[in-house]
Amino acid sequence: MKWNPNPLIAITGITLVGAPIYAHAKIYVSAEQAQKLIFPNKQFTKYPIVLSEDIQDKMQSASSVRHPFKGDRTWKAADGSYFIVDEVVGKHEMITYAVGIAPNGTVQGIEIMEYVESYGYEVAEDSWRKQFVGKTAEDPLKLKKDIQNISGATLSCKHLTDGVKRVMVMYELALKPKSK
């Protein structure tokens, strides 16, 4: 007797294996919503930037983030505030987040925009994200130094912390107004 597997069973099995990934994928906010959450009363204009290889190398060196930075996801307000969308790898999947930078060069806030991993979603909680407020590129921005870890979300915490460091270094090198 020859075994002939039922294709319906195979398709159902494949669907069930992938279901946990898609069941935990969550889009928290759009870029526009994140802007309003971080800067409730400001208007932003798209402000695309092109970074030199030297600046990109310095960003990578300071943060260890290897994923390319996309300069077309930067906005600027009239008062010198910036809103920047970036991505880092969580454990396996990309985390999209936004960083708001006040005119004085400090983090105004961060928002998790999209999180696909099945674990570690606690990084989207306000209590964890608040640790970044007031930080600058001069701060360590290192997990277990000035940013606390969340048990069960270590890689997401580390990579987001590294990502915020990368954005702040980029601000310092490419966007910060030069002293006269």
C-alpha atoms as a PDB file:
ATOM      1  CA  MET A   1       0.000   0.000   0.000  1.00  0.00           C
ATOM      2  CA  LYS A   2       1.385   3.359  -1.016  1.00  0.00           C
ATOM      3  CA  TRP A   3       1.050   6.366   1.306  1.00  0.00           C
ATOM      4  CA  ASN A   4      -0.557   9.422  -0.293  1.00  0.00           C
ATOM      5  CA  PRO A   5      -0.580  12.424   2.068  1.00  0.00           C
ATOM      6  CA  ASN A   6      -3.625  14.648   1.967  1.00  0.00           C
ATOM      7  CA  PRO A   7      -2.611  18.127   0.645  1.00  0.00           C
ATOM      8  CA  LEU A   8      -5.228  19.764   2.887  1.00  0.00           C
ATOM      9  CA  ILE A   9      -3.477  18.381   5.963  1.00  0.00           C
ATOM     10  CA  ALA A  10      -0.107  19.688   4.727  1.00  0.00           C
ATOM     11  CA  ILE A  11      -1.507  23.182   4.084  1.00  0.00           C
ATOM     12  CA  THR A  12      -3.209  23.215   7.494  1.00  0.00           C
ATOM     13  CA  GLY A  13       0.058  22.179   9.170  1.00  0.00           C
ATOM     14  CA  ILE A  14       2.049  24.902   7.422  1.00  0.00           C
ATOM     15  CA  THR A  15      -0.575  27.483   8.381  1.00  0.00           C
ATOM     16  CA  LEU A  16      -0.536  26.436  12.017  1.00  0.00           C
ATOM     17  CA  VAL A  17       3.266  26.592  12.203  1.00  0.00           C
ATOM     18  CA  GLY A  18       3.284  30.183  10.876  1.00  0.00           C
ATOM     19  CA  ALA A  19       0.260  31.307  12.897  1.00  0.00           C
ATOM     20  CA  PRO A  20       2.126  32.261  16.104  1.00  0.00           C
ATOM     21  CA  ILE A  21       4.318  34.712  14.168  1.00  0.00           C
ATOM     22  CA  TYR A  22       1.401  36.454  12.505  1.00  0.00           C
ATOM     23  CA  ALA A  23      -0.771  36.313  15.622  1.00  0.00           C
ATOM     24  CA  HIS A  24       1.782  38.435  17.501  1.00  0.00           C
ATOM     25  CA  ALA A  25       2.583  40.880  14.695  1.00  0.00           C
ATOM     26  CA  LYS A  26       1.254  44.218  15.776  1.00  0.00           C
ATOM     27  CA  ILE A  27       1.237  47.661  14.306  1.00  0.00           C
ATOM     28  CA  TYR A  28       0.955  50.047  17.215  1.00  0.00           C
ATOM     29  CA  VAL A  29       0.955  53.451  15.503  1.00  0.00           C
ATOM     30  CA  SER A  30       1.586  55.055  12.126  1.00  0.00           C
ATOM     31  CA  ALA A  31       4.329  57.637  11.628  1.00  0.00           C
ATOM     32  CA  GLU A  32       1.771  60.436  11.813  1.00  0.00           C
ATOM     33  CA  GLN A  33       0.273  59.058  15.035  1.00  0.00           C
ATOM     34  CA  ALA A  34       3.734  58.609  16.572  1.00  0.00           C
ATOM     35  CA  GLN A  35       4.561  62.251  15.737  1.00  0.00           C
ATOM     36  CA  LYS A  36       1.411  63.416  17.528  1.00  0.00           C
ATOM     37  CA  LEU A  37       2.145  61.232  20.556  1.00  0.00           C
ATOM     38  CA  ILE A  38       5.703  62.539  20.946  1.00  0.00           C
ATOM     39  CA  PHE A  39       5.050  66.133  19.826  1.00  0.00           C
ATOM     40  CA  PRO A  40       1.304  66.804  20.288  1.00  0.00           C
ATOM     41  CA  ASN A  41       1.246  70.386  18.979  1.00  0.00           C
ATOM     42  CA  LYS A  42       3.954  70.483  16.311  1.00  0.00           C
ATOM     43  CA  GLN A  43       3.832  70.399  12.556  1.00  0.00           C
ATOM     44  CA  PHE A  44       6.604  68.517  10.776  1.00  0.00           C
ATOM     45  CA  THR A  45       7.920  68.680   7.235  1.00  0.00           C
ATOM     46  CA  LYS A  46       9.637  65.779   5.516  1.00  0.00           C
ATOM     47  CA  TYR A  47      13.402  66.349   5.780  1.00  0.00           C
ATOM     48  CA  PRO A  48      15.250  63.612   3.870  1.00  0.00           C
ATOM     49  CA  ILE A  49      18.952  63.346   4.579  1.00  0.00           C
ATOM     50  CA  VAL A  50      21.872  61.677   2.835  1.00  0.00           C
ATOM     51  CA  LEU A  51      24.587  60.465   5.156  1.00  0.00           C
ATOM     52  CA  SER A  52      28.235  60.236   4.197  1.00  0.00           C
ATOM     53  CA  GLU A  53      30.006  56.918   4.535  1.00  0.00           C
ATOM     54  CA  ASP A  54      32.044  58.418   7.396  1.00  0.00           C
ATOM     55  CA  ILE A  55      28.890  59.320   9.368  1.00  0.00           C
ATOM     56  CA  GLN A  56      27.373  55.897   8.703  1.00  0.00           C
ATOM     57  CA  ASP A  57      30.568  54.233   9.945  1.00  0.00           C
ATOM     58  CA  LYS A  58      30.506  56.346  13.123  1.00  0.00           C
ATOM     59  CA  MET A  59      26.827  55.503  13.703  1.00  0.00           C
ATOM     60  CA  GLN A  60      27.558  51.790  13.347  1.00  0.00           C
ATOM     61  CA  SER A  61      30.613  51.994  15.554  1.00  0.00           C
ATOM     62  CA  ALA A  62      28.739  53.800  18.335  1.00  0.00           C
ATOM     63  CA  SER A  63      25.672  51.569  18.228  1.00  0.00           C
ATOM     64  CA  SER A  64      26.669  48.233  16.630  1.00  0.00           C
ATOM     65  CA  VAL A  65      23.525  48.409  14.461  1.00  0.00           C
ATOM     66  CA  ARG A  66      24.363  46.939  11.063  1.00  0.00           C
ATOM     67  CA  HIS A  67      21.016  47.464   9.333  1.00  0.00           C
ATOM     68  CA  PRO A  68      21.219  50.423   6.893  1.00  0.00           C
ATOM     69  CA  PHE A  69      19.741  53.726   8.051  1.00  0.00           C
ATOM     70  CA  LYS A  70      17.091  55.124   5.713  1.00  0.00           C
ATOM     71  CA  GLY A  71      17.463  58.899   5.517  1.00  0.00           C
ATOM     72  CA  ASP A  72      14.094  59.392   3.830  1.00  0.00           C
ATOM     73  CA  ARG A  73      12.239  58.858   7.124  1.00  0.00           C
ATOM     74  CA  THR A  74      13.229  62.091   8.835  1.00  0.00           C
ATOM     75  CA  TRP A  75      10.985  65.085   9.567  1.00  0.00           C
ATOM     76  CA  LYS A  76      11.799  68.511  10.992  1.00  0.00           C
ATOM     77  CA  ALA A  77       9.685  71.095  12.824  1.00  0.00           C
ATOM     78  CA  ALA A  78      10.183  74.864  12.587  1.00  0.00           C
ATOM     79  CA  ASP A  79      11.644  74.985  16.127  1.00  0.00           C
ATOM     80  CA  GLY A  80      14.395  72.481  15.287  1.00  0.00           C
ATOM     81  CA  SER A  81      12.720  69.361  16.660  1.00  0.00           C
ATOM     82  CA  TYR A  82      13.233  66.177  14.674  1.00  0.00           C
ATOM     83  CA  PHE A  83      11.125  63.074  14.243  1.00  0.00           C
ATOM     84  CA  ILE A  84      13.015  60.042  12.908  1.00  0.00           C
ATOM     85  CA  VAL A  85      11.723  56.574  12.014  1.00  0.00           C
ATOM     86  CA  ASP A  86      14.212  53.720  12.101  1.00  0.00           C
ATOM     87  CA  GLU A  87      14.335  49.916  12.277  1.00  0.00           C
ATOM     88  CA  VAL A  88      16.371  47.368  14.158  1.00  0.00           C
ATOM     89  CA  VAL A  89      16.267  43.591  14.287  1.00  0.00           C
ATOM     90  CA  GLY A  90      14.531  42.250  17.397  1.00  0.00           C
ATOM     91  CA  LYS A  91      15.407  38.586  17.814  1.00  0.00           C
ATOM     92  CA  HIS A  92      14.529  37.560  14.260  1.00  0.00           C
ATOM     93  CA  GLU A  93      12.228  40.237  12.843  1.00  0.00           C
ATOM     94  CA  MET A  94      12.438  43.998  12.317  1.00  0.00           C
ATOM     95  CA  ILE A  95      11.132  46.437  14.923  1.00  0.00           C
ATOM     96  CA  THR A  96      10.051  49.800  13.528  1.00  0.00           C
ATOM     97  CA  TYR A  97      10.296  52.652  16.022  1.00  0.00           C
ATOM     98  CA  ALA A  98      10.338  56.442  16.086  1.00  0.00           C
ATOM     99  CA  VAL A  99      12.533  58.841  18.042  1.00  0.00           C
ATOM    100  CA  GLY A 100      11.525  62.408  18.751  1.00  0.00           C
ATOM    101  CA  ILE A 101      14.423  64.789  19.369  1.00  0.00           C
ATOM    102  CA  ALA A 102      13.776  68.126  21.075  1.00  0.00           C
ATOM    103  CA  PRO A 103      15.491  71.335  19.866  1.00  0.00           C
ATOM    104  CA  ASN A 104      18.049  70.987  22.691  1.00  0.00           C
ATOM    105  CA  GLY A 105      19.166  67.584  21.332  1.00  0.00           C
ATOM    106  CA  THR A 106      17.503  65.399  23.959  1.00  0.00           C
ATOM    107  CA  VAL A 107      15.155  62.495  23.370  1.00  0.00           C
ATOM    108  CA  GLN A 108      11.603  63.817  23.650  1.00  0.00           C
ATOM    109  CA  GLY A 109      10.170  60.303  23.396  1.00  0.00           C
ATOM    110  CA  ILE A 110      10.212  57.048  21.490  1.00  0.00           C
ATOM    111  CA  GLU A 111       7.309  55.073  20.063  1.00  0.00           C
ATOM    112  CA  ILE A 112       7.238  51.479  18.897  1.00  0.00           C
ATOM    113  CA  MET A 113       5.431  51.563  15.574  1.00  0.00           C
ATOM    114  CA  GLU A 114       5.525  47.909  14.516  1.00  0.00           C
ATOM    115  CA  TYR A 115       6.584  44.814  16.422  1.00  0.00           C
ATOM    116  CA  VAL A 116       6.495  41.368  14.792  1.00  0.00           C
ATOM    117  CA  GLU A 117       8.254  39.098  17.299  1.00  0.00           C
ATOM    118  CA  SER A 118       6.177  36.698  19.395  1.00  0.00           C
ATOM    119  CA  TYR A 119       8.111  37.636  22.570  1.00  0.00           C
ATOM    120  CA  GLY A 120       9.473  40.879  23.936  1.00  0.00           C
ATOM    121  CA  TYR A 121       6.527  43.101  23.033  1.00  0.00           C
ATOM    122  CA  GLU A 122       6.837  44.679  26.491  1.00  0.00           C
ATOM    123  CA  VAL A 123       9.303  47.131  24.925  1.00  0.00           C
ATOM    124  CA  ALA A 124       6.218  48.995  23.676  1.00  0.00           C
ATOM    125  CA  GLU A 125       5.132  49.699  27.258  1.00  0.00           C
ATOM    126  CA  ASP A 126       5.341  53.320  28.319  1.00  0.00           C
ATOM    127  CA  SER A 127       7.273  52.475  31.503  1.00  0.00           C
ATOM    128  CA  TRP A 128      10.182  51.033  29.493  1.00  0.00           C
ATOM    129  CA  ARG A 129      10.192  53.703  26.767  1.00  0.00           C
ATOM    130  CA  LYS A 130      10.249  56.556  29.310  1.00  0.00           C
ATOM    131  CA  GLN A 131      13.844  55.645  30.226  1.00  0.00           C
ATOM    132  CA  PHE A 132      15.028  57.312  27.018  1.00  0.00           C
ATOM    133  CA  VAL A 133      13.450  60.707  27.659  1.00  0.00           C
ATOM    134  CA  GLY A 134      16.101  63.372  28.230  1.00  0.00           C
ATOM    135  CA  LYS A 135      18.973  61.239  26.915  1.00  0.00           C
ATOM    136  CA  THR A 136      21.511  62.634  24.428  1.00  0.00           C
ATOM    137  CA  ALA A 137      24.205  61.161  22.203  1.00  0.00           C
ATOM    138  CA  GLU A 138      26.631  61.815  25.085  1.00  0.00           C
ATOM    139  CA  ASP A 139      24.773  59.366  27.366  1.00  0.00           C
ATOM    140  CA  PRO A 140      25.903  55.734  27.343  1.00  0.00           C
ATOM    141  CA  LEU A 141      22.524  54.467  26.048  1.00  0.00           C
ATOM    142  CA  LYS A 142      23.544  50.957  26.985  1.00  0.00           C
ATOM    143  CA  LEU A 143      21.378  48.148  28.279  1.00  0.00           C
ATOM    144  CA  LYS A 144      21.993  47.457  31.983  1.00  0.00           C
ATOM    145  CA  LYS A 145      23.865  50.773  32.339  1.00  0.00           C
ATOM    146  CA  ASP A 146      21.428  53.637  31.892  1.00  0.00           C
ATOM    147  CA  ILE A 147      18.623  51.581  30.269  1.00  0.00           C
ATOM    148  CA  GLN A 148      17.038  48.724  32.203  1.00  0.00           C
ATOM    149  CA  ASN A 149      16.348  45.328  30.671  1.00  0.00           C
ATOM    150  CA  ILE A 150      13.012  43.516  30.553  1.00  0.00           C
ATOM    151  CA  SER A 151      13.269  39.816  31.399  1.00  0.00           C
ATOM    152  CA  GLY A 152      12.194  37.810  28.364  1.00  0.00           C
ATOM    153  CA  ALA A 153      12.809  40.736  26.013  1.00  0.00           C
ATOM    154  CA  THR A 154      16.576  41.105  26.274  1.00  0.00           C
ATOM    155  CA  LEU A 155      17.370  41.159  22.555  1.00  0.00           C
ATOM    156  CA  SER A 156      14.544  43.583  21.756  1.00  0.00           C
ATOM    157  CA  CYS A 157      15.659  45.843  24.618  1.00  0.00           C
ATOM    158  CA  LYS A 158      19.293  45.727  23.536  1.00  0.00           C
ATOM    159  CA  HIS A 159      18.643  46.300  19.857  1.00  0.00           C
ATOM    160  CA  LEU A 160      16.168  49.131  20.433  1.00  0.00           C
ATOM    161  CA  THR A 161      18.608  50.769  22.853  1.00  0.00           C
ATOM    162  CA  ASP A 162      21.357  50.439  20.243  1.00  0.00           C
ATOM    163  CA  GLY A 163      18.982  51.879  17.634  1.00  0.00           C
ATOM    164  CA  VAL A 164      18.178  54.935  19.731  1.00  0.00           C
ATOM    165  CA  LYS A 165      21.919  55.430  20.277  1.00  0.00           C
ATOM    166  CA  ARG A 166      22.427  55.255  16.510  1.00  0.00           C
ATOM    167  CA  VAL A 167      19.713  57.871  15.877  1.00  0.00           C
ATOM    168  CA  MET A 168      21.158  60.180  18.529  1.00  0.00           C
ATOM    169  CA  VAL A 169      24.686  59.855  17.088  1.00  0.00           C
ATOM    170  CA  MET A 170      23.265  60.608  13.633  1.00  0.00           C
ATOM    171  CA  TYR A 171      21.541  63.709  15.039  1.00  0.00           C
ATOM    172  CA  GLU A 172      24.790  64.832  16.662  1.00  0.00           C
ATOM    173  CA  LEU A 173      26.843  64.363  13.487  1.00  0.00           C
ATOM    174  CA  ALA A 174      24.397  65.368  10.757  1.00  0.00           C
ATOM    175  CA  LEU A 175      21.425  67.352  12.097  1.00  0.00           C
ATOM    176  CA  LYS A 176      22.506  69.263  15.199  1.00  0.00           C
ATOM    177  CA  PRO A 177      22.927  72.984  14.521  1.00  0.00           C
ATOM    178  CA  LYS A 178      26.604  73.926  14.468  1.00  0.00           C
ATOM    179  CA  SER A 179      27.833  76.290  17.190  1.00  0.00           C
ATOM    180  CA  LYS A 180      28.879  79.718  16.009  1.00  0.00           C
END
